[in-house]
Amino acid sequence: MISLTDNAVSKIKELADIEGLDLSIRVRILASGCAGFSNDMNFDSSIGDMDEVIEQDGIKIICDPISFMYLENCTIDYLDGVISSGFKFINPAVKTSCGCGKSMSF
């Protein structure tokens, strides 16, 4: 199951309200970066026949079946720091990550 922390839920709701978007996000794994894969998340309300859909706190989390294999036990957090802010995927399936932390391998 993919889950969101309270911070992530708050930020997603805030951004959706500002932009006038549905409370639906798509999460996925992309082939990219020096370690092979990267996480991706964006607002998207289209749901395919094969997509996994998880609802949490009024937010639909949509994930294609291949990405779901890699993200199944992932938690998405939102960090708001002095140096950087953004969503962070906490994924126990990740084996290694690159030096900058933007890509990983499974």
Protein backbone atom coordinates (compact mmCIF):
# COMPACT_ATOMS: atom_id res chain seq x y z
CA MET A 1 0.00 0.00 0.00
CA ILE A 2 1.24 3.48 -0.85
CA SER A 3 0.60 5.97 1.95
CA LEU A 4 0.92 9.68 2.61
CA THR A 5 2.12 11.36 5.79
CA ASP A 6 0.03 14.13 7.33
CA ASN A 7 2.50 16.70 5.93
CA ALA A 8 2.11 15.29 2.41
CA VAL A 9 -1.70 15.27 2.68
CA SER A 10 -1.71 18.91 3.81
CA LYS A 11 0.62 20.04 1.01
CA ILE A 12 -1.26 18.13 -1.71
CA LYS A 13 -4.56 19.68 -0.54
CA GLU A 14 -2.95 23.13 -0.42
CA LEU A 15 -1.52 22.84 -3.95
CA ALA A 16 -4.75 21.41 -5.37
CA ASP A 17 -6.73 24.28 -3.84
CA ILE A 18 -4.35 26.92 -5.22
CA GLU A 19 -4.40 25.42 -8.73
CA GLY A 20 -8.09 24.39 -8.72
CA LEU A 21 -7.25 20.70 -9.29
CA ASP A 22 -8.92 17.46 -8.23
CA LEU A 23 -7.46 15.67 -5.22
CA SER A 24 -5.96 12.94 -7.41
CA ILE A 25 -2.26 12.28 -7.80
CA ARG A 26 -0.42 9.83 -10.00
CA VAL A 27 2.76 8.30 -8.63
CA ARG A 28 5.15 6.28 -10.76
CA ILE A 29 8.66 5.06 -11.32
CA LEU A 30 10.55 6.39 -14.36
CA ALA A 31 13.70 5.07 -15.98
CA SER A 32 16.15 7.92 -15.44
CA GLY A 33 19.13 9.18 -13.52
CA CYS A 34 22.55 7.70 -12.94
CA ALA A 35 21.22 4.92 -10.65
CA GLY A 36 18.51 3.82 -13.11
CA PHE A 37 15.12 4.96 -11.75
CA SER A 38 13.45 8.02 -10.28
CA ASN A 39 10.14 8.79 -8.58
CA ASP A 40 7.48 10.93 -10.21
CA MET A 41 4.31 12.47 -8.82
CA ASN A 42 1.83 14.82 -10.44
CA PHE A 43 -1.82 15.77 -10.31
CA ASP A 44 -3.81 13.49 -12.63
CA SER A 45 -7.44 12.44 -12.38
CA SER A 46 -7.45 9.97 -15.29
CA ILE A 47 -7.64 6.37 -14.14
CA GLY A 48 -6.73 3.51 -16.48
CA ASP A 49 -8.33 0.06 -16.36
CA MET A 50 -5.20 -1.51 -14.88
CA ASP A 51 -4.33 1.29 -12.42
CA GLU A 52 -4.22 0.72 -8.68
CA VAL A 53 -6.24 3.37 -6.81
CA ILE A 54 -5.78 4.03 -3.10
CA GLU A 55 -7.81 6.64 -1.25
CA GLN A 56 -6.43 8.39 1.81
CA ASP A 57 -7.82 11.48 3.51
CA GLY A 58 -9.85 12.43 0.44
CA ILE A 59 -6.90 12.05 -1.95
CA LYS A 60 -6.84 9.44 -4.71
CA ILE A 61 -3.38 7.95 -5.21
CA ILE A 62 -3.23 6.44 -8.72
CA CYS A 63 -0.43 4.11 -9.81
CA ASP A 64 0.15 1.96 -12.89
CA PRO A 65 0.74 -1.77 -12.21
CA ILE A 66 4.46 -1.81 -13.03
CA SER A 67 5.24 1.20 -10.84
CA PHE A 68 3.05 -0.27 -8.09
CA MET A 69 5.37 -3.30 -7.90
CA TYR A 70 8.19 -0.92 -6.88
CA LEU A 71 6.11 1.49 -4.78
CA GLU A 72 3.85 -0.97 -2.96
CA ASN A 73 5.14 -0.22 0.56
CA CYS A 74 6.22 3.36 -0.09
CA THR A 75 5.37 6.33 2.12
CA ILE A 76 5.33 9.81 0.62
CA ASP A 77 6.25 12.66 2.92
CA TYR A 78 6.56 16.41 2.46
CA LEU A 79 9.62 18.10 3.94
CA ASP A 80 9.72 21.86 4.39
CA GLY A 81 13.27 22.91 5.20
CA VAL A 82 15.43 25.99 5.05
CA ILE A 83 17.69 24.59 2.33
CA SER A 84 15.14 22.58 0.34
CA SER A 85 11.49 21.59 0.37
CA GLY A 86 9.60 18.92 -1.49
CA PHE A 87 7.99 15.53 -1.54
CA LYS A 88 10.13 12.59 -0.43
CA PHE A 89 9.44 8.97 -1.28
CA ILE A 90 10.43 6.66 1.57
CA ASN A 91 10.68 3.29 -0.11
CA PRO A 92 12.01 0.15 1.63
CA ALA A 93 12.45 -1.57 -1.76
CA VAL A 94 15.28 0.77 -2.80
CA LYS A 95 18.67 -0.98 -2.72
CA THR A 96 20.98 1.92 -3.64
CA SER A 97 20.73 5.55 -4.65
CA CYS A 98 23.00 7.96 -6.48
CA GLY A 99 25.12 10.53 -4.69
CA CYS A 100 22.64 13.37 -5.18
CA GLY A 101 19.71 11.20 -4.07
CA LYS A 102 17.61 11.90 -7.18
CA SER A 103 17.69 8.36 -8.59
CA MET A 104 17.82 4.83 -7.21
CA SER A 105 18.00 1.16 -8.08
CA PHE A 106 15.96 -1.79 -6.88
